[in-house]
C-alpha cells in the first residue's frame, strides 16, 4: 500500500458539493492499494501512520504522533498514487490494485485506523471527490509498505 500523509489543521471531503467527511487537527491520509499487496498491509500501514511522529511537542519539535495528540484522520482513497510516468506524458495506473481488491484493502485500512482509537472520517471509494485542507507546517510524508 502507498499513502501520502499531510499534517492538517483542518480538512474535508465533498462529493457533488455535499460534505462527506471532515476533521480538525490531525492527518489527511490519501491511500492507494497496490497490485500484489499482502493481506497484512492495511494493518501494517495503519500502525506506522498512527505512530509517525509528525506533530509538534511542547518545544515545537516534531516528536508526537496521532496517538499522542488525539488527532483525527481523514482517509481518502486515491488510486492515482500508483501513477507510473516513466513512459510518455500520460500516467499509467496498472500497478494499482483492481477496484474490488483496492476497496477491500481501503476499508480494512480505515478499520485498522479506527481500531487504534483514532477518530476517522472518510471519503467514498471510487467517487469523484473534492478535498480541501489546510496543511500545517507544511508537513507531507510519503509512505510505501514495500520500502
N, C-alpha and C. Protein backbone atom coordinates (compact mmCIF):
# COMPACT_ATOMS: atom_id res chain seq x y z
N UNK A 1 0.85 -1.17 0.00
CA UNK A 1 0.00 0.00 0.00
C UNK A 1 0.89 1.23 0.00
N UNK A 2 0.31 2.28 -0.47
CA UNK A 2 1.02 3.55 -0.56
C UNK A 2 0.14 4.62 0.06
N UNK A 3 0.76 5.56 0.76
CA UNK A 3 -0.01 6.63 1.40
C UNK A 3 0.76 7.94 1.34
N UNK A 4 0.01 9.02 1.23
CA UNK A 4 0.54 10.36 1.35
C UNK A 4 -0.16 10.97 2.55
N UNK A 5 0.63 11.35 3.56
CA UNK A 5 0.08 11.86 4.81
C UNK A 5 0.40 13.35 4.90
N UNK A 6 -0.61 14.16 5.18
CA UNK A 6 -0.41 15.58 5.36
C UNK A 6 -0.92 15.97 6.74
N UNK A 7 -0.05 16.62 7.52
CA UNK A 7 -0.46 17.16 8.81
C UNK A 7 -1.35 18.37 8.53
N UNK A 8 -2.55 18.37 9.10
CA UNK A 8 -3.51 19.43 8.79
C UNK A 8 -4.08 20.06 10.05
N UNK A 9 -4.47 21.33 9.90
CA UNK A 9 -5.24 21.96 10.97
C UNK A 9 -6.73 21.74 10.75
N UNK A 10 -7.09 21.44 9.47
CA UNK A 10 -8.45 21.01 9.15
C UNK A 10 -8.44 20.44 7.75
N UNK A 11 -9.41 19.57 7.46
CA UNK A 11 -9.57 19.00 6.13
C UNK A 11 -10.99 18.49 5.97
N UNK A 12 -11.45 18.51 4.72
CA UNK A 12 -12.77 17.93 4.45
C UNK A 12 -12.81 17.36 3.05
N UNK A 13 -13.79 16.49 2.83
CA UNK A 13 -14.01 15.90 1.51
C UNK A 13 -15.49 16.05 1.18
N UNK A 14 -15.74 16.44 -0.08
CA UNK A 14 -17.11 16.64 -0.55
C UNK A 14 -17.33 15.86 -1.83
N UNK A 15 -18.56 15.42 -2.02
CA UNK A 15 -18.97 14.75 -3.24
C UNK A 15 -20.17 15.51 -3.78
N UNK A 16 -20.03 16.03 -4.99
CA UNK A 16 -21.09 16.86 -5.59
C UNK A 16 -21.50 18.00 -4.67
N UNK A 17 -20.51 18.59 -3.99
CA UNK A 17 -20.76 19.72 -3.11
C UNK A 17 -21.28 19.37 -1.74
N UNK A 18 -21.56 18.09 -1.50
CA UNK A 18 -22.11 17.64 -0.21
C UNK A 18 -20.97 17.14 0.67
N UNK A 19 -20.92 17.66 1.90
CA UNK A 19 -19.87 17.26 2.84
C UNK A 19 -20.01 15.77 3.16
N UNK A 20 -18.92 15.02 2.94
CA UNK A 20 -18.90 13.58 3.23
C UNK A 20 -18.14 13.30 4.52
N UNK A 21 -17.05 14.01 4.75
CA UNK A 21 -16.26 13.81 5.96
C UNK A 21 -15.40 15.01 6.23
N UNK A 22 -15.12 15.27 7.51
CA UNK A 22 -14.26 16.39 7.87
C UNK A 22 -13.59 16.12 9.19
N UNK A 23 -12.43 16.76 9.36
CA UNK A 23 -11.69 16.68 10.62
C UNK A 23 -11.12 18.04 10.96
N UNK A 24 -10.75 18.20 12.22
CA UNK A 24 -9.97 19.35 12.66
C UNK A 24 -8.51 18.96 12.59
N UNK A 25 -7.76 19.22 13.66
CA UNK A 25 -6.33 18.90 13.67
C UNK A 25 -6.11 17.40 13.56
N UNK A 26 -5.15 17.04 12.73
CA UNK A 26 -4.85 15.62 12.53
C UNK A 26 -4.11 15.40 11.24
N UNK A 27 -4.51 14.35 10.53
CA UNK A 27 -3.83 13.97 9.30
C UNK A 27 -4.82 13.65 8.19
N UNK A 28 -4.56 14.21 7.03
CA UNK A 28 -5.24 13.79 5.81
C UNK A 28 -4.41 12.66 5.25
N UNK A 29 -5.02 11.51 5.05
CA UNK A 29 -4.29 10.33 4.56
C UNK A 29 -4.90 9.93 3.22
N UNK A 30 -4.13 10.13 2.16
CA UNK A 30 -4.52 9.66 0.84
C UNK A 30 -3.89 8.28 0.70
N UNK A 31 -4.70 7.27 0.37
CA UNK A 31 -4.21 5.90 0.40
C UNK A 31 -4.57 5.15 -0.87
N UNK A 32 -3.62 4.30 -1.31
CA UNK A 32 -3.78 3.52 -2.53
C UNK A 32 -3.32 2.09 -2.28
N UNK A 33 -4.20 1.14 -2.56
CA UNK A 33 -3.80 -0.27 -2.52
C UNK A 33 -3.09 -0.59 -3.83
N UNK A 34 -2.00 -1.32 -3.73
CA UNK A 34 -1.20 -1.66 -4.90
C UNK A 34 -1.42 -3.13 -5.26
N UNK A 35 -1.30 -3.42 -6.55
CA UNK A 35 -1.42 -4.81 -7.00
C UNK A 35 -0.40 -5.67 -6.26
N UNK A 36 -0.85 -6.81 -5.76
CA UNK A 36 0.05 -7.72 -5.06
C UNK A 36 0.25 -7.42 -3.59
N UNK A 37 -0.44 -6.42 -3.05
CA UNK A 37 -0.32 -6.15 -1.61
C UNK A 37 -0.74 -7.37 -0.80
N UNK A 38 0.01 -7.64 0.24
CA UNK A 38 -0.31 -8.74 1.13
C UNK A 38 -1.47 -8.37 2.05
N UNK A 39 -2.13 -9.35 2.61
CA UNK A 39 -3.33 -9.14 3.44
C UNK A 39 -3.04 -8.29 4.68
N UNK A 40 -1.81 -8.34 5.19
CA UNK A 40 -1.49 -7.61 6.42
C UNK A 40 -1.12 -6.14 6.17
N UNK A 41 -1.05 -5.72 4.92
CA UNK A 41 -0.60 -4.36 4.60
C UNK A 41 -1.47 -3.26 5.21
N UNK A 42 -2.80 -3.35 5.18
CA UNK A 42 -3.59 -2.26 5.78
C UNK A 42 -3.28 -2.06 7.27
N UNK A 43 -3.14 -3.13 8.03
CA UNK A 43 -2.84 -3.02 9.45
C UNK A 43 -1.42 -2.49 9.66
N UNK A 44 -0.49 -2.95 8.85
CA UNK A 44 0.90 -2.50 8.96
C UNK A 44 1.01 -1.01 8.67
N UNK A 45 0.35 -0.55 7.62
CA UNK A 45 0.39 0.86 7.26
C UNK A 45 -0.30 1.71 8.31
N UNK A 46 -1.44 1.25 8.82
CA UNK A 46 -2.17 2.00 9.85
C UNK A 46 -1.32 2.16 11.11
N UNK A 47 -0.66 1.09 11.53
CA UNK A 47 0.18 1.15 12.73
C UNK A 47 1.34 2.13 12.53
N UNK A 48 1.94 2.12 11.35
CA UNK A 48 3.06 3.03 11.07
C UNK A 48 2.59 4.48 11.12
N UNK A 49 1.47 4.76 10.46
CA UNK A 49 0.96 6.13 10.42
C UNK A 49 0.54 6.61 11.81
N UNK A 50 -0.10 5.75 12.58
CA UNK A 50 -0.57 6.12 13.92
C UNK A 50 0.59 6.51 14.83
N UNK A 51 1.77 5.93 14.62
CA UNK A 51 2.93 6.18 15.46
C UNK A 51 3.92 7.17 14.86
N UNK A 52 3.64 7.62 13.63
CA UNK A 52 4.53 8.54 12.94
C UNK A 52 4.61 9.87 13.69
N UNK A 53 5.80 10.25 14.10
CA UNK A 53 5.98 11.44 14.94
C UNK A 53 6.14 12.68 14.06
N UNK A 54 4.99 13.24 13.66
CA UNK A 54 4.99 14.41 12.78
C UNK A 54 4.29 15.61 13.40
N UNK A 55 3.88 15.49 14.66
CA UNK A 55 3.18 16.58 15.35
C UNK A 55 4.10 17.21 16.38
N UNK A 56 3.92 18.49 16.60
CA UNK A 56 4.79 19.25 17.49
C UNK A 56 4.59 18.86 18.97
N UNK A 57 5.71 18.82 19.69
CA UNK A 57 5.66 18.68 21.15
C UNK A 57 5.69 20.07 21.76
N UNK A 58 5.84 20.15 23.07
CA UNK A 58 5.84 21.43 23.78
C UNK A 58 6.99 22.33 23.34
N UNK A 59 8.07 21.74 22.88
CA UNK A 59 9.24 22.51 22.43
C UNK A 59 9.15 22.87 20.94
N UNK A 60 8.07 22.49 20.29
CA UNK A 60 7.89 22.80 18.87
C UNK A 60 8.55 21.82 17.93
N UNK A 61 9.10 20.73 18.45
CA UNK A 61 9.75 19.72 17.62
C UNK A 61 8.74 18.66 17.18
N UNK A 62 8.95 18.11 16.00
CA UNK A 62 8.08 17.01 15.53
C UNK A 62 8.45 15.77 16.33
N UNK A 63 7.68 15.53 17.39
CA UNK A 63 8.02 14.45 18.30
C UNK A 63 6.79 13.71 18.82
N UNK A 64 5.60 14.04 18.29
CA UNK A 64 4.37 13.41 18.77
C UNK A 64 3.62 12.78 17.59
N UNK A 65 2.86 11.75 17.89
CA UNK A 65 2.11 11.02 16.87
C UNK A 65 0.62 11.34 16.96
N UNK A 66 -0.14 10.82 16.02
CA UNK A 66 -1.61 10.93 16.10
C UNK A 66 -2.11 10.33 17.40
N UNK A 67 -1.53 9.21 17.80
CA UNK A 67 -1.93 8.58 19.06
C UNK A 67 -1.63 9.47 20.25
N UNK A 68 -0.50 10.16 20.22
CA UNK A 68 -0.10 11.06 21.32
C UNK A 68 -1.00 12.29 21.40
N UNK A 69 -1.38 12.83 20.24
CA UNK A 69 -2.10 14.10 20.22
C UNK A 69 -3.61 13.95 20.31
N UNK A 70 -4.12 12.75 20.04
CA UNK A 70 -5.57 12.57 19.97
C UNK A 70 -6.16 13.17 18.71
N UNK A 71 -5.33 13.38 17.69
CA UNK A 71 -5.80 13.94 16.43
C UNK A 71 -6.66 12.97 15.65
N UNK A 72 -7.31 13.48 14.63
CA UNK A 72 -8.19 12.68 13.78
C UNK A 72 -7.53 12.40 12.44
N UNK A 73 -8.14 11.48 11.70
CA UNK A 73 -7.66 11.15 10.36
C UNK A 73 -8.81 11.28 9.37
N UNK A 74 -8.54 11.96 8.26
CA UNK A 74 -9.45 11.95 7.12
C UNK A 74 -8.80 11.06 6.09
N UNK A 75 -9.45 9.95 5.77
CA UNK A 75 -8.86 8.92 4.91
C UNK A 75 -9.60 8.92 3.57
N UNK A 76 -8.84 9.15 2.50
CA UNK A 76 -9.41 9.26 1.17
C UNK A 76 -8.68 8.30 0.24
N UNK A 77 -9.44 7.48 -0.47
CA UNK A 77 -8.83 6.56 -1.45
C UNK A 77 -8.34 7.37 -2.64
N UNK A 78 -7.15 7.02 -3.14
CA UNK A 78 -6.60 7.75 -4.28
C UNK A 78 -5.71 6.85 -5.10
N UNK A 79 -6.30 6.20 -6.11
CA UNK A 79 -5.55 5.27 -6.94
C UNK A 79 -4.46 5.96 -7.73
N UNK A 80 -4.54 7.28 -7.91
CA UNK A 80 -3.52 7.98 -8.69
C UNK A 80 -2.16 8.00 -8.00
N UNK A 81 -2.09 7.60 -6.74
CA UNK A 81 -0.78 7.46 -6.08
C UNK A 81 0.05 6.36 -6.74
N UNK A 82 -0.60 5.51 -7.52
CA UNK A 82 0.10 4.43 -8.23
C UNK A 82 0.61 4.87 -9.60
N UNK A 83 0.53 6.16 -9.91
CA UNK A 83 0.90 6.66 -11.23
C UNK A 83 2.32 6.27 -11.63
N UNK A 84 2.44 5.77 -12.84
CA UNK A 84 3.74 5.48 -13.44
C UNK A 84 3.90 6.46 -14.60
N UNK A 85 4.89 7.33 -14.50
CA UNK A 85 5.11 8.35 -15.53
C UNK A 85 6.42 8.14 -16.28
N UNK A 86 6.95 6.94 -16.20
CA UNK A 86 8.24 6.69 -16.84
C UNK A 86 8.16 6.67 -18.36
N UNK A 87 6.99 6.35 -18.92
CA UNK A 87 6.86 6.26 -20.38
C UNK A 87 5.86 7.31 -20.87
N UNK A 88 6.35 8.36 -21.43
CA UNK A 88 5.49 9.37 -22.00
C UNK A 88 4.91 10.31 -20.97
N UNK A 89 3.86 11.00 -21.37
CA UNK A 89 3.26 12.03 -20.53
C UNK A 89 1.92 11.64 -19.94
N UNK A 90 1.38 10.50 -20.34
CA UNK A 90 0.12 10.03 -19.78
C UNK A 90 0.45 9.00 -18.69
N UNK A 91 0.07 9.30 -17.43
CA UNK A 91 0.35 8.34 -16.35
C UNK A 91 -0.37 7.02 -16.57
N UNK A 92 0.30 5.95 -16.20
CA UNK A 92 -0.32 4.62 -16.20
C UNK A 92 -0.59 4.22 -14.76
N UNK A 93 -1.65 3.45 -14.57
CA UNK A 93 -2.07 3.07 -13.22
C UNK A 93 -2.17 1.56 -13.03
N UNK A 94 -1.48 0.80 -13.86
CA UNK A 94 -1.60 -0.65 -13.81
C UNK A 94 -1.02 -1.25 -12.53
N UNK A 95 -0.22 -0.50 -11.78
CA UNK A 95 0.32 -1.03 -10.53
C UNK A 95 -0.65 -0.87 -9.35
N UNK A 96 -1.75 -0.16 -9.57
CA UNK A 96 -2.79 -0.07 -8.53
C UNK A 96 -3.55 -1.39 -8.47
N UNK A 97 -4.06 -1.70 -7.31
CA UNK A 97 -4.87 -2.91 -7.15
C UNK A 97 -6.16 -2.78 -7.97
N UNK A 98 -6.71 -3.91 -8.37
CA UNK A 98 -8.01 -3.92 -9.05
C UNK A 98 -9.05 -3.29 -8.12
N UNK A 99 -10.08 -2.65 -8.67
CA UNK A 99 -11.04 -1.93 -7.83
C UNK A 99 -11.62 -2.73 -6.67
N UNK A 100 -12.01 -3.97 -6.86
CA UNK A 100 -12.60 -4.74 -5.76
C UNK A 100 -11.58 -5.02 -4.66
N UNK A 101 -10.37 -5.35 -5.06
CA UNK A 101 -9.29 -5.57 -4.10
C UNK A 101 -8.90 -4.26 -3.42
N UNK A 102 -8.81 -3.19 -4.19
CA UNK A 102 -8.47 -1.89 -3.64
C UNK A 102 -9.47 -1.42 -2.61
N UNK A 103 -10.76 -1.61 -2.90
CA UNK A 103 -11.81 -1.19 -1.96
C UNK A 103 -11.71 -1.99 -0.67
N UNK A 104 -11.51 -3.29 -0.78
CA UNK A 104 -11.40 -4.14 0.41
C UNK A 104 -10.23 -3.70 1.28
N UNK A 105 -9.09 -3.42 0.65
CA UNK A 105 -7.90 -3.01 1.42
C UNK A 105 -8.09 -1.61 2.01
N UNK A 106 -8.74 -0.73 1.27
CA UNK A 106 -9.04 0.61 1.78
C UNK A 106 -9.92 0.52 3.02
N UNK A 107 -10.98 -0.26 2.96
CA UNK A 107 -11.88 -0.41 4.10
C UNK A 107 -11.18 -1.06 5.29
N UNK A 108 -10.28 -2.01 5.02
CA UNK A 108 -9.50 -2.62 6.10
C UNK A 108 -8.58 -1.59 6.74
N UNK A 109 -8.01 -0.71 5.93
CA UNK A 109 -7.14 0.34 6.46
C UNK A 109 -7.94 1.30 7.35
N UNK A 110 -9.12 1.72 6.89
CA UNK A 110 -9.97 2.60 7.68
C UNK A 110 -10.31 1.93 9.02
N UNK A 111 -10.67 0.65 8.99
CA UNK A 111 -10.98 -0.08 10.23
C UNK A 111 -9.76 -0.18 11.13
N UNK A 112 -8.59 -0.41 10.55
CA UNK A 112 -7.36 -0.53 11.34
C UNK A 112 -7.04 0.79 12.04
N UNK A 113 -7.23 1.91 11.37
CA UNK A 113 -7.00 3.22 12.00
C UNK A 113 -7.98 3.40 13.15
N UNK A 114 -9.26 3.12 12.91
CA UNK A 114 -10.28 3.27 13.96
C UNK A 114 -10.01 2.33 15.12
N UNK A 115 -9.56 1.11 14.84
CA UNK A 115 -9.26 0.14 15.90
C UNK A 115 -8.13 0.61 16.80
N UNK A 116 -7.28 1.50 16.29
CA UNK A 116 -6.19 2.05 17.09
C UNK A 116 -6.66 3.21 17.96
N UNK A 117 -7.94 3.56 17.86
CA UNK A 117 -8.51 4.62 18.68
C UNK A 117 -8.42 6.00 18.06
N UNK A 118 -8.12 6.06 16.78
CA UNK A 118 -8.01 7.34 16.09
C UNK A 118 -9.35 7.64 15.43
N UNK A 119 -9.97 8.78 15.79
CA UNK A 119 -11.23 9.14 15.13
C UNK A 119 -10.99 9.31 13.63
N UNK A 120 -11.82 8.67 12.81
CA UNK A 120 -11.60 8.67 11.37
C UNK A 120 -12.85 9.11 10.61
N UNK A 121 -12.64 9.95 9.63
CA UNK A 121 -13.66 10.32 8.67
C UNK A 121 -13.15 9.85 7.31
N UNK A 122 -14.05 9.65 6.36
CA UNK A 122 -13.64 9.12 5.06
C UNK A 122 -14.35 9.81 3.91
N UNK A 123 -13.81 9.56 2.75
CA UNK A 123 -14.49 9.85 1.51
C UNK A 123 -15.25 8.59 1.12
N UNK A 124 -15.55 8.46 -0.17
CA UNK A 124 -16.24 7.27 -0.69
C UNK A 124 -15.34 6.66 -1.75
N UNK A 125 -15.01 5.39 -1.58
CA UNK A 125 -14.11 4.72 -2.51
C UNK A 125 -14.64 4.84 -3.94
N UNK A 126 -13.77 5.27 -4.84
CA UNK A 126 -14.10 5.34 -6.25
C UNK A 126 -14.90 6.56 -6.67
N UNK A 127 -15.31 7.40 -5.73
CA UNK A 127 -16.11 8.57 -6.06
C UNK A 127 -15.20 9.70 -6.56
N UNK A 128 -15.79 10.62 -7.31
CA UNK A 128 -15.12 11.84 -7.72
C UNK A 128 -15.29 12.82 -6.58
N UNK A 129 -14.21 13.11 -5.86
CA UNK A 129 -14.28 13.88 -4.62
C UNK A 129 -13.50 15.18 -4.73
N UNK A 130 -13.92 16.16 -3.94
CA UNK A 130 -13.17 17.41 -3.77
C UNK A 130 -12.64 17.42 -2.35
N UNK A 131 -11.32 17.53 -2.23
CA UNK A 131 -10.68 17.51 -0.92
C UNK A 131 -10.11 18.90 -0.64
N UNK A 132 -10.44 19.45 0.51
CA UNK A 132 -9.89 20.73 0.95
C UNK A 132 -9.10 20.50 2.22
N UNK A 133 -8.00 21.24 2.36
CA UNK A 133 -7.19 21.07 3.55
C UNK A 133 -6.38 22.32 3.83
N UNK A 134 -6.00 22.46 5.07
CA UNK A 134 -5.01 23.44 5.46
C UNK A 134 -3.84 22.63 6.00
N UNK A 135 -2.77 22.55 5.19
CA UNK A 135 -1.59 21.78 5.55
C UNK A 135 -0.84 22.57 6.61
N UNK A 136 -0.59 21.93 7.74
CA UNK A 136 0.06 22.56 8.88
C UNK A 136 1.55 22.29 8.81
N UNK A 137 2.32 23.33 8.60
CA UNK A 137 3.78 23.17 8.60
C UNK A 137 4.43 23.87 7.41
N UNK A 138 4.28 23.43 6.21
CA UNK A 138 3.59 22.24 5.76
C UNK A 138 4.39 20.97 6.06
N UNK A 139 3.66 19.93 6.38
CA UNK A 139 4.27 18.61 6.60
C UNK A 139 3.54 17.63 5.69
N UNK A 140 4.29 16.99 4.80
CA UNK A 140 3.76 15.99 3.89
C UNK A 140 4.75 14.83 3.85
N UNK A 141 4.25 13.62 4.12
CA UNK A 141 5.11 12.44 4.20
C UNK A 141 4.57 11.37 3.25
N UNK A 142 5.46 10.73 2.52
CA UNK A 142 5.12 9.64 1.60
C UNK A 142 5.53 8.32 2.25
N UNK A 143 4.62 7.36 2.29
CA UNK A 143 4.95 6.02 2.82
C UNK A 143 4.56 4.96 1.81
N UNK A 144 5.36 3.94 1.73
CA UNK A 144 5.09 2.80 0.87
C UNK A 144 5.44 1.55 1.65
N UNK A 145 4.54 0.60 1.76
CA UNK A 145 4.80 -0.59 2.56
C UNK A 145 5.88 -1.47 1.94
N UNK A 146 6.22 -1.25 0.67
CA UNK A 146 7.30 -2.02 0.04
C UNK A 146 8.68 -1.53 0.48
N UNK A 147 8.74 -0.33 1.04
CA UNK A 147 10.05 0.24 1.44
C UNK A 147 10.51 -0.34 2.76
